[in-house]
């Protein structure tokens, strides 16, 4: 059974930075992409950024100039999200996502609060 474990959330001041980490464990076959999504209170879950098995990246317009998604090229089962210049509207629960040939897995989420 594949599990995703996220870390790195917390309270950050506006303009600050943070780095989220996600590590996948278990038997994983045919990963096609990993990524980050977020859900703010009262809103639907939305894409933040994804990275494909080939290294192609995709970002939401709202974070495009402030976020960088990367992965561990040695292990290929870890993904990271560096976010800079954080804004209060970035406050949300951030979820790690893994897409593979036979399954899609979500992490439990990590809360990011941007506030002074």
Protein backbone atom coordinates (compact mmCIF):
# COMPACT_ATOMS: atom_id res chain seq x y z
CA UNK A 1 0.00 0.00 0.00
CA UNK A 2 1.43 3.35 -1.06
CA UNK A 3 1.53 6.10 1.51
CA UNK A 4 2.53 9.74 1.17
CA UNK A 5 3.97 11.61 4.13
CA UNK A 6 4.13 15.39 3.98
CA UNK A 7 6.11 17.76 6.14
CA UNK A 8 7.15 21.38 6.26
CA UNK A 9 3.92 23.23 6.92
CA UNK A 10 3.45 25.79 9.65
CA UNK A 11 2.99 29.46 10.37
CA UNK A 12 4.83 31.86 8.07
CA UNK A 13 4.78 35.64 7.93
CA UNK A 14 3.70 37.35 4.72
CA UNK A 15 6.65 37.62 2.39
CA UNK A 16 8.30 34.59 3.93
CA UNK A 17 9.25 31.25 2.44
CA UNK A 18 8.73 27.61 3.16
CA UNK A 19 9.60 24.22 1.72
CA UNK A 20 7.18 21.34 1.73
CA UNK A 21 8.40 17.77 1.43
CA UNK A 22 6.57 14.61 0.45
CA UNK A 23 7.96 11.09 0.55
CA UNK A 24 6.17 8.10 -0.91
CA UNK A 25 6.59 4.67 0.60
CA UNK A 26 5.36 1.25 -0.40
CA UNK A 27 5.33 -0.64 -3.65
CA UNK A 28 4.99 1.92 -6.42
CA UNK A 29 4.81 0.97 -10.06
CA UNK A 30 4.68 3.30 -12.99
CA UNK A 31 4.63 6.74 -11.37
CA UNK A 32 3.54 9.26 -13.99
CA UNK A 33 3.51 12.41 -11.88
CA UNK A 34 3.70 13.83 -8.38
CA UNK A 35 2.46 17.16 -7.25
CA UNK A 36 0.93 19.50 -4.73
CA UNK A 37 -2.64 20.66 -4.37
CA UNK A 38 -4.17 22.92 -1.75
CA UNK A 39 -7.54 23.57 -0.20
CA UNK A 40 -8.36 26.79 1.57
CA UNK A 41 -11.27 27.05 4.02
CA UNK A 42 -14.55 27.11 2.15
CA UNK A 43 -12.92 26.52 -1.22
CA UNK A 44 -12.37 23.56 -3.50
CA UNK A 45 -9.07 21.76 -3.74
CA UNK A 46 -6.88 23.28 -6.45
CA UNK A 47 -3.67 22.44 -8.21
CA UNK A 48 -0.51 24.19 -7.06
CA UNK A 49 2.21 22.42 -9.05
CA UNK A 50 3.02 19.07 -10.61
CA UNK A 51 6.11 17.37 -11.96
CA UNK A 52 5.95 14.47 -14.38
CA UNK A 53 8.17 11.42 -14.45
CA UNK A 54 9.99 13.07 -17.32
CA UNK A 55 10.61 16.22 -15.32
CA UNK A 56 8.04 18.49 -16.92
CA UNK A 57 6.50 20.94 -14.50
CA UNK A 58 3.16 22.70 -14.35
CA UNK A 59 2.16 25.54 -12.04
CA UNK A 60 -1.02 27.34 -11.13
CA UNK A 61 -0.98 30.92 -12.35
CA UNK A 62 -1.36 32.13 -8.78
CA UNK A 63 2.01 30.68 -7.74
CA UNK A 64 3.92 30.49 -11.03
CA UNK A 65 6.49 33.16 -10.18
CA UNK A 66 6.81 32.20 -6.52
CA UNK A 67 6.94 28.41 -6.44
CA UNK A 68 9.38 25.73 -7.52
CA UNK A 69 8.54 22.04 -7.56
CA UNK A 70 11.35 19.52 -7.59
CA UNK A 71 11.97 15.87 -6.91
CA UNK A 72 14.67 13.53 -5.72
CA UNK A 73 16.10 12.23 -8.97
CA UNK A 74 17.83 9.39 -7.20
CA UNK A 75 14.80 8.04 -5.46
CA UNK A 76 12.10 9.44 -7.71
CA UNK A 77 9.61 8.96 -4.90
CA UNK A 78 10.01 12.33 -3.21
CA UNK A 79 8.71 15.71 -4.24
CA UNK A 80 9.35 19.15 -2.82
CA UNK A 81 7.64 22.51 -3.09
CA UNK A 82 9.57 25.70 -2.43
CA UNK A 83 7.32 28.72 -2.08
CA UNK A 84 8.55 32.29 -1.71
CA UNK A 85 6.92 35.65 -1.19
CA UNK A 86 4.04 33.99 0.60
CA UNK A 87 0.72 35.81 0.82
CA UNK A 88 -2.19 35.41 3.24
CA UNK A 89 -4.19 33.91 0.37
CA UNK A 90 -1.70 31.05 0.24
CA UNK A 91 -3.12 29.85 3.56
CA UNK A 92 -4.48 26.35 3.00
CA UNK A 93 -3.99 22.68 3.67
CA UNK A 94 -1.45 21.45 1.15
CA UNK A 95 -1.81 17.90 -0.13
CA UNK A 96 0.77 15.79 -1.86
CA UNK A 97 -0.50 13.74 -4.81
CA UNK A 98 0.94 10.79 -6.68
CA UNK A 99 -0.40 9.46 -9.96
CA UNK A 100 0.67 6.05 -11.19
CA UNK A 101 -0.51 3.58 -13.78
CA UNK A 102 -2.88 1.73 -11.47
CA UNK A 103 -3.53 4.20 -8.67
CA UNK A 104 -3.75 7.75 -7.41
CA UNK A 105 -2.72 8.50 -3.84
CA UNK A 106 -3.20 11.54 -1.61
CA UNK A 107 -1.29 12.52 1.48
CA UNK A 108 -2.97 13.54 4.69
CA UNK A 109 -2.21 17.21 4.15
CA UNK A 110 -0.08 19.78 5.91
CA UNK A 111 -1.41 23.14 7.04
CA UNK A 112 0.28 26.31 5.85
CA UNK A 113 -0.82 29.53 7.54
CA UNK A 114 0.45 32.85 6.25
CA UNK A 115 -0.20 35.53 8.82
CA UNK A 116 1.53 38.26 10.75
